[in-house]
Amino acid sequence: MHPYNVRPRTHSAFTLVELLVVIAIIGVLIALLLPAVQQAREAARRGQCLNHLKQLALAMHNFHDTNNAFPKNIYGKNAGNPNTWEGWHLFSANYKLLPFIEQDNLYDQFDLDNTWEYNRDNPMNVSLAAFICPSSPPAPDAEAISWGGPGSNYGWSSGSSPHTAHACTKSNCNGMITTKDETRMSDTTDGLSNTVFISEFLSGDGNDGTPRYPFDILYTGDNAPYDNIANKNFPTQAEIDAIGLQVESGASGERSNNGTLWAWYSHGQSILNTATPPNWRYPSSGGSCCPGGAHDWGVGFIGARSMHPGGVNAAMGDGSVRFVAETVDLLTWQRMGNARDGEVVTLP
């Protein structure tokens, strides 16, 4: 065959339009895939968070088996200047729990005969994964803010009363753990499986003076709005919303170093209450403010909060764990926190 009769070889190629179509299809697939990947990651983080809560609840049970009581949320002694709050070592129940979560060496590093600065800056400043939810933003550390620390996202439930910190005795706080008094399983007369033992909260954003919901804690300057609650064991929706509006529109102060120190005793650091629903629409708040960053004084709404979509994780008194929707009825949630109101509640 004559060489000039040979047909030239041709090469197929994408036209510009075809290339743009392929790119568009890939973009759509990525857009569809990313939410699924994010949901899968959050599901894994939420599962890990639930496991942390379960391990802490079981550690509390082991402590009770050994000591015939749960630890109170204040441990310490006078040191330095006994005439001020700085003269007290005020460690949380988590400090007493360390040997039951395989942290014996860290427990031994706490020194009640040393200064409070020593304990805050040394053993209390050790980061422990057991107290941190992987879905939560990191806590501001000690270099970022006064009373910053390694992080603390779990709080023992003091019940449905707004009494906090030094005012949280068995007579004022109705939860499974109080700050001032030891409690026992037998005190939970509503049943361990029906009572919230421990749940979640968020760390502050580390920027004092610039309130940021839902992370920071705001203050009213006195206890007056909380004094207006008729039944402290069961604040009504109208009562908590009135305080929430007041705080949101005109707080006297704000702190962003809550959720930093797992071994510090105060509400917002190692203990919370169920007076308000999970992920409450208004900021966490208190009356007067506030050594130690969170809520050291008499009253406040220091409730359960998380970054999990739609609710919070919680461990019940029997060690079981569950996800509680933020749409839960307020009174139901309060009764779940109250260990001895005589009403047994169940969630759908």
Protein backbone atom coordinates (compact mmCIF):
# COMPACT_ATOMS: atom_id res chain seq x y z
CA MET A 1 0.00 0.00 0.00
CA HIS A 2 1.21 3.43 -0.85
CA PRO A 3 2.46 5.26 2.21
CA TYR A 4 0.30 8.27 1.40
CA ASN A 5 -2.78 6.10 1.77
CA VAL A 6 -2.01 5.29 5.42
CA ARG A 7 -4.53 7.03 7.73
CA PRO A 8 -2.82 9.12 10.44
CA ARG A 9 -3.17 7.98 14.04
CA THR A 10 -5.49 10.10 16.12
CA HIS A 11 -5.45 10.73 19.94
CA SER A 12 -8.67 11.16 21.93
CA ALA A 13 -8.59 13.90 24.63
CA PHE A 14 -10.95 15.69 27.04
CA THR A 15 -12.45 18.81 25.73
CA LEU A 16 -12.55 21.80 28.11
CA VAL A 17 -16.27 21.25 28.67
CA GLU A 18 -15.74 17.57 29.54
CA LEU A 19 -12.94 18.49 31.97
CA LEU A 20 -15.15 21.02 33.72
CA VAL A 21 -17.94 18.45 34.02
CA VAL A 22 -15.55 15.93 35.61
CA ILE A 23 -14.28 18.55 38.07
CA ALA A 24 -17.85 19.49 38.96
CA ILE A 25 -18.77 15.84 39.57
CA ILE A 26 -15.71 15.37 41.81
CA GLY A 27 -16.66 18.53 43.72
CA VAL A 28 -20.19 17.26 44.28
CA LEU A 29 -18.89 13.89 45.49
CA ILE A 30 -16.50 15.58 47.95
CA ALA A 31 -19.30 17.82 49.20
CA LEU A 32 -21.45 14.75 49.81
CA LEU A 33 -18.62 12.81 51.41
CA LEU A 34 -17.30 15.43 53.87
CA PRO A 35 -20.42 15.57 56.11
CA ALA A 36 -20.43 11.78 56.30
CA VAL A 37 -16.76 11.76 57.31
CA GLN A 38 -17.37 14.49 59.90
CA GLN A 39 -20.35 12.61 61.30
CA ALA A 40 -18.32 9.43 61.54
CA ARG A 41 -15.52 11.26 63.35
CA GLU A 42 -17.97 12.90 65.77
CA ALA A 43 -19.62 9.53 66.42
CA ALA A 44 -16.21 8.14 67.33
CA ARG A 45 -15.45 11.12 69.59
CA ARG A 46 -18.83 10.87 71.28
CA GLY A 47 -18.23 7.16 71.89
CA GLN A 48 -14.83 7.92 73.42
CA CYS A 49 -16.44 10.58 75.62
CA LEU A 50 -19.06 8.09 76.81
CA ASN A 51 -16.27 5.66 77.66
CA HIS A 52 -14.50 8.33 79.76
CA LEU A 53 -17.70 8.98 81.70
CA LYS A 54 -18.27 5.29 82.27
CA GLN A 55 -14.73 4.78 83.56
CA LEU A 56 -15.05 7.72 85.95
CA ALA A 57 -18.41 6.46 87.25
CA LEU A 58 -16.98 2.98 87.79
CA ALA A 59 -13.96 4.49 89.57
CA MET A 60 -16.37 6.24 91.90
CA HIS A 61 -18.07 2.93 92.61
CA ASN A 62 -14.71 1.36 93.42
CA PHE A 63 -13.93 4.26 95.75
CA HIS A 64 -17.28 3.72 97.46
CA ASP A 65 -16.59 0.00 97.83
CA THR A 66 -13.30 0.82 99.53
CA ASN A 67 -14.45 3.75 101.69
CA ASN A 68 -18.18 3.12 102.14
CA ALA A 69 -18.92 6.58 100.76
CA PHE A 70 -18.39 8.77 97.72
CA PRO A 71 -15.80 11.53 98.12
CA LYS A 72 -17.05 15.05 98.69
CA ASN A 73 -15.90 17.66 96.19
CA ILE A 74 -13.73 19.64 98.64
CA TYR A 75 -10.59 18.19 100.17
CA GLY A 76 -7.82 20.20 101.76
CA LYS A 77 -6.43 21.89 104.81
CA ASN A 78 -5.21 25.29 105.93
CA ALA A 79 -1.80 26.22 104.62
CA GLY A 80 -0.03 29.50 104.17
CA ASN A 81 -2.50 32.18 105.24
CA PRO A 82 -5.50 30.48 106.90
CA ASN A 83 -7.51 33.71 106.96
CA THR A 84 -8.19 33.83 103.22
CA TRP A 85 -9.46 31.41 100.63
CA GLU A 86 -5.86 31.21 99.41
CA GLY A 87 -5.01 29.55 102.71
CA TRP A 88 -6.97 26.46 101.71
CA HIS A 89 -6.04 23.58 99.49
CA LEU A 90 -9.35 22.95 97.78
CA PHE A 91 -9.09 19.76 95.78
CA SER A 92 -12.00 18.10 94.03
CA ALA A 93 -13.30 14.58 94.33
CA ASN A 94 -11.21 13.83 91.24
CA TYR A 95 -8.09 14.15 93.41
CA LYS A 96 -9.32 11.34 95.66
CA LEU A 97 -10.25 9.32 92.59
CA LEU A 98 -6.74 9.22 91.08
CA PRO A 99 -5.68 5.84 92.60
CA PHE A 100 -8.84 4.32 91.10
CA ILE A 101 -7.96 5.43 87.54
CA GLU A 102 -4.38 4.13 87.71
CA GLN A 103 -2.86 7.48 88.67
CA ASP A 104 -1.31 6.54 92.04
CA ASN A 105 1.96 8.36 91.29
CA LEU A 106 0.15 11.59 90.49
CA TYR A 107 -1.95 11.25 93.64
CA ASP A 108 1.24 11.03 95.69
CA GLN A 109 2.52 14.29 94.17
CA PHE A 110 -0.23 16.33 95.85
CA ASP A 111 1.10 17.86 99.04
CA LEU A 112 -1.33 19.32 101.57
CA ASP A 113 1.60 20.68 103.60
CA ASN A 114 2.94 22.66 100.68
CA THR A 115 1.57 25.91 99.26
CA TRP A 116 -1.59 26.07 97.15
CA GLU A 117 0.53 27.51 94.31
CA TYR A 118 2.70 24.40 94.36
CA ASN A 119 -0.26 22.08 93.95
CA ARG A 120 -1.97 24.23 91.33
CA ASP A 121 1.17 24.62 89.24
CA ASN A 122 2.40 21.03 89.53
CA PRO A 123 0.16 17.96 90.03
CA MET A 124 -3.04 19.87 89.30
CA ASN A 125 -1.54 21.07 86.02
CA VAL A 126 -0.99 17.57 84.59
CA SER A 127 -3.22 16.80 81.61
CA LEU A 128 -5.26 13.61 81.96
CA ALA A 129 -7.23 12.29 78.99
CA ALA A 130 -9.76 10.79 81.41
CA PHE A 131 -11.11 14.27 82.16
CA ILE A 132 -11.19 15.63 78.59
CA CYS A 133 -13.89 15.18 75.95
CA PRO A 134 -12.30 14.84 72.49
CA SER A 135 -15.12 16.86 70.91
CA SER A 136 -14.50 19.92 73.10
CA PRO A 137 -12.12 22.77 72.22
CA PRO A 138 -8.91 22.76 74.26
CA ALA A 139 -8.84 24.64 77.54
CA PRO A 140 -6.75 27.82 77.93
CA ASP A 141 -3.54 26.83 79.67
CA ALA A 142 -1.72 28.58 82.50
CA GLU A 143 0.36 30.61 80.05
CA ALA A 144 -2.75 31.95 78.34
CA ILE A 145 -4.80 33.06 81.35
CA SER A 146 -4.72 33.23 85.13
CA TRP A 147 -5.97 29.94 86.57
CA GLY A 148 -5.66 28.30 83.19
CA GLY A 149 -4.87 24.62 83.11
CA PRO A 150 -4.75 21.33 81.23
CA GLY A 151 -8.51 20.93 80.75
CA SER A 152 -11.57 19.57 82.51
CA ASN A 153 -14.78 18.68 80.65
CA TYR A 154 -16.58 16.49 83.17
CA GLY A 155 -18.51 17.56 86.24
CA TRP A 156 -20.08 15.49 89.01
CA SER A 157 -23.75 16.34 89.46
CA SER A 158 -24.68 18.30 92.59
CA GLY A 159 -28.34 18.04 91.57
CA SER A 160 -31.08 20.41 90.49
CA SER A 161 -30.45 23.16 93.06
CA PRO A 162 -28.57 26.33 92.02
CA HIS A 163 -26.53 26.24 95.24
CA THR A 164 -22.85 25.99 94.35
CA ALA A 165 -19.42 25.54 95.87
CA HIS A 166 -19.25 26.37 99.59
CA ALA A 167 -23.05 26.52 99.81
CA CYS A 168 -23.42 23.03 98.36
CA THR A 169 -24.15 20.80 101.35
CA LYS A 170 -26.46 17.77 101.53
CA SER A 171 -29.18 20.08 102.86
CA ASN A 172 -28.87 22.50 99.92
CA CYS A 173 -27.71 20.27 97.06
CA ASN A 174 -29.73 17.18 96.17
CA GLY A 175 -27.36 15.41 93.76
CA MET A 176 -25.17 12.37 94.16
CA ILE A 177 -22.09 14.52 94.97
CA THR A 178 -21.85 17.69 97.06
CA THR A 179 -18.88 19.87 97.85
CA LYS A 180 -19.12 19.83 101.64
CA ASP A 181 -20.48 16.40 102.62
CA GLU A 182 -19.72 12.82 101.73
CA THR A 183 -22.64 10.90 100.23
CA ARG A 184 -23.46 7.23 99.95
CA MET A 185 -25.26 5.04 97.46
CA SER A 186 -28.06 4.73 100.01
CA ASP A 187 -28.62 8.50 99.76
CA THR A 188 -29.78 8.04 96.16
CA THR A 189 -33.26 6.91 97.10
CA ASP A 190 -34.65 7.44 93.59
CA GLY A 191 -32.44 4.65 92.30
CA LEU A 192 -28.93 4.78 90.87
CA SER A 193 -30.06 3.99 87.32
CA ASN A 194 -32.45 6.97 87.37
CA THR A 195 -30.02 9.60 88.69
CA VAL A 196 -27.38 11.59 86.81
CA PHE A 197 -23.94 11.01 88.30
CA ILE A 198 -21.63 12.94 85.98
CA SER A 199 -22.01 14.87 82.72
CA GLU A 200 -20.14 17.33 80.53
CA PHE A 201 -19.29 21.00 80.41
CA LEU A 202 -17.12 23.19 78.20
CA SER A 203 -13.92 25.09 78.91
CA GLY A 204 -13.83 28.88 78.73
CA ASP A 205 -12.26 30.52 75.70
CA GLY A 206 -9.42 32.10 77.69
CA ASN A 207 -10.32 35.69 76.85
CA ASP A 208 -11.51 37.39 80.03
CA GLY A 209 -13.62 40.48 79.37
CA THR A 210 -15.09 39.24 76.09
CA PRO A 211 -18.01 36.86 76.83
CA ARG A 212 -18.44 34.06 74.35
CA TYR A 213 -21.42 31.73 74.44
CA PRO A 214 -21.54 28.85 75.26
CA PHE A 215 -18.04 28.69 76.70
CA ASP A 216 -17.68 31.39 79.35
CA ILE A 217 -19.37 32.06 82.71
CA LEU A 218 -21.06 35.40 83.41
CA TYR A 219 -21.94 37.02 86.75
CA THR A 220 -24.77 39.17 88.08
CA GLY A 221 -22.74 40.73 90.89
CA ASP A 222 -24.98 39.51 93.71
CA ASN A 223 -27.35 36.68 94.51
CA ALA A 224 -30.57 38.68 94.12
CA PRO A 225 -31.97 37.06 90.96
CA TYR A 226 -31.40 33.57 92.36
CA ASP A 227 -33.03 34.53 95.66
CA ASN A 228 -36.27 35.00 93.70
CA ILE A 229 -36.48 31.28 92.85
CA ALA A 230 -39.44 29.99 94.86
CA ASN A 231 -38.40 26.33 95.01
CA LYS A 232 -34.64 26.02 94.80
CA ASN A 233 -34.89 22.30 94.08
CA PHE A 234 -36.94 22.91 90.94
CA PRO A 235 -36.45 26.33 89.32
CA THR A 236 -39.20 26.89 86.76
CA GLN A 237 -38.66 27.64 83.09
CA ALA A 238 -39.85 31.22 83.65
CA GLU A 239 -37.46 31.70 86.59
CA ILE A 240 -34.37 30.41 84.82
CA ASP A 241 -35.18 32.31 81.61
CA ALA A 242 -35.63 35.57 83.57
CA ILE A 243 -32.15 35.14 85.06
CA GLY A 244 -30.74 34.11 81.69
CA LEU A 245 -32.11 37.26 80.05
CA GLN A 246 -30.75 39.44 82.84
CA VAL A 247 -27.30 37.92 82.55
CA GLU A 248 -27.28 38.04 78.77
CA SER A 249 -28.28 41.70 78.65
CA GLY A 250 -26.26 43.11 81.53
CA ALA A 251 -23.76 40.88 83.31
CA SER A 252 -21.42 42.58 85.77
CA GLY A 253 -18.50 40.37 84.87
CA GLU A 254 -17.22 37.34 83.01
CA ARG A 255 -14.55 34.68 83.38
CA SER A 256 -13.04 32.44 80.75
CA ASN A 257 -10.89 30.09 82.80
CA ASN A 258 -13.59 27.58 83.72
CA GLY A 259 -13.11 23.99 82.60
CA THR A 260 -9.35 24.15 83.08
CA LEU A 261 -8.46 22.40 86.35
CA TRP A 262 -9.86 18.91 86.92
CA ALA A 263 -8.58 18.84 90.53
CA TRP A 264 -10.07 22.19 91.60
CA TYR A 265 -13.25 21.93 93.64
CA SER A 266 -15.58 24.56 92.20
CA HIS A 267 -18.61 24.38 89.94
CA GLY A 268 -17.45 24.73 86.37
CA GLN A 269 -14.16 22.96 87.11
CA SER A 270 -15.18 19.56 88.48
CA ILE A 271 -18.88 19.78 89.40
CA LEU A 272 -22.11 20.99 87.74
CA ASN A 273 -25.83 21.21 88.39
CA THR A 274 -29.00 20.25 86.51
CA ALA A 275 -31.00 23.39 87.30
CA THR A 276 -30.98 24.31 83.59
CA PRO A 277 -31.42 22.03 80.57
CA PRO A 278 -28.44 20.65 78.64
CA ASN A 279 -26.90 23.20 76.27
CA TRP A 280 -29.12 25.92 77.76
CA ARG A 281 -29.84 28.78 75.37
CA TYR A 282 -28.49 31.35 77.86
CA PRO A 283 -24.94 31.62 79.25
CA SER A 284 -23.83 29.74 82.32
CA SER A 285 -23.97 32.22 85.17
CA GLY A 286 -23.51 32.90 88.85
CA GLY A 287 -23.91 35.56 91.51
CA SER A 288 -20.68 36.91 92.96
CA CYS A 289 -17.40 35.97 91.35
CA CYS A 290 -14.90 33.94 91.51
CA PRO A 291 -11.41 32.82 92.55
CA GLY A 292 -10.27 29.77 90.69
CA GLY A 293 -11.94 30.81 87.49
CA ALA A 294 -15.22 29.02 87.74
CA HIS A 295 -17.89 29.39 90.40
CA ASP A 296 -16.53 29.39 93.91
CA TRP A 297 -19.33 31.12 95.78
CA GLY A 298 -23.00 30.60 96.61
CA VAL A 299 -25.37 30.21 93.64
CA GLY A 300 -25.33 29.75 89.90
CA PHE A 301 -26.54 27.93 86.85
CA ILE A 302 -23.50 25.85 85.94
CA GLY A 303 -25.14 23.29 83.70
CA ALA A 304 -24.26 20.50 81.31
CA ARG A 305 -22.87 21.58 77.94
CA SER A 306 -21.08 19.87 75.08
CA MET A 307 -20.13 20.23 71.44
CA HIS A 308 -21.96 17.02 70.55
CA PRO A 309 -24.81 17.91 68.19
CA GLY A 310 -28.16 17.90 69.95
CA GLY A 311 -27.28 17.11 73.56
CA VAL A 312 -24.79 15.88 76.14
CA ASN A 313 -23.38 12.61 77.36
CA ALA A 314 -24.03 11.52 80.94
CA ALA A 315 -23.26 8.61 83.23
CA MET A 316 -25.96 7.49 85.63
CA GLY A 317 -25.46 6.41 89.22
CA ASP A 318 -25.28 2.74 88.32
CA GLY A 319 -22.43 3.35 85.86
CA SER A 320 -24.55 3.14 82.71
CA VAL A 321 -24.02 5.86 80.11
CA ARG A 322 -26.43 7.61 77.77
CA PHE A 323 -26.89 10.57 75.47
CA VAL A 324 -29.41 13.12 76.76
CA ALA A 325 -31.07 15.34 74.15
CA GLU A 326 -31.00 19.08 74.76
CA THR A 327 -34.76 19.06 74.10
CA VAL A 328 -35.38 17.02 77.27
CA ASP A 329 -38.18 18.43 79.41
CA LEU A 330 -36.73 20.77 82.05
CA LEU A 331 -38.48 19.16 85.01
CA THR A 332 -37.49 15.70 83.78
CA TRP A 333 -33.83 16.74 83.63
CA GLN A 334 -34.03 18.33 87.07
CA ARG A 335 -35.56 15.17 88.53
CA MET A 336 -32.78 13.15 86.91
CA GLY A 337 -30.26 15.28 88.80
CA ASN A 338 -32.18 15.15 92.07
CA ALA A 339 -31.18 11.95 93.84
CA ARG A 340 -33.95 11.88 96.41
CA ASP A 341 -37.08 13.76 95.36
CA GLY A 342 -39.19 10.60 95.36
CA GLU A 343 -39.95 10.73 91.64
CA VAL A 344 -38.54 8.14 89.25
CA VAL A 345 -38.21 9.42 85.70
CA THR A 346 -37.35 7.72 82.45
CA LEU A 347 -36.30 9.15 79.12
CA PRO A 348 -37.86 8.12 75.81
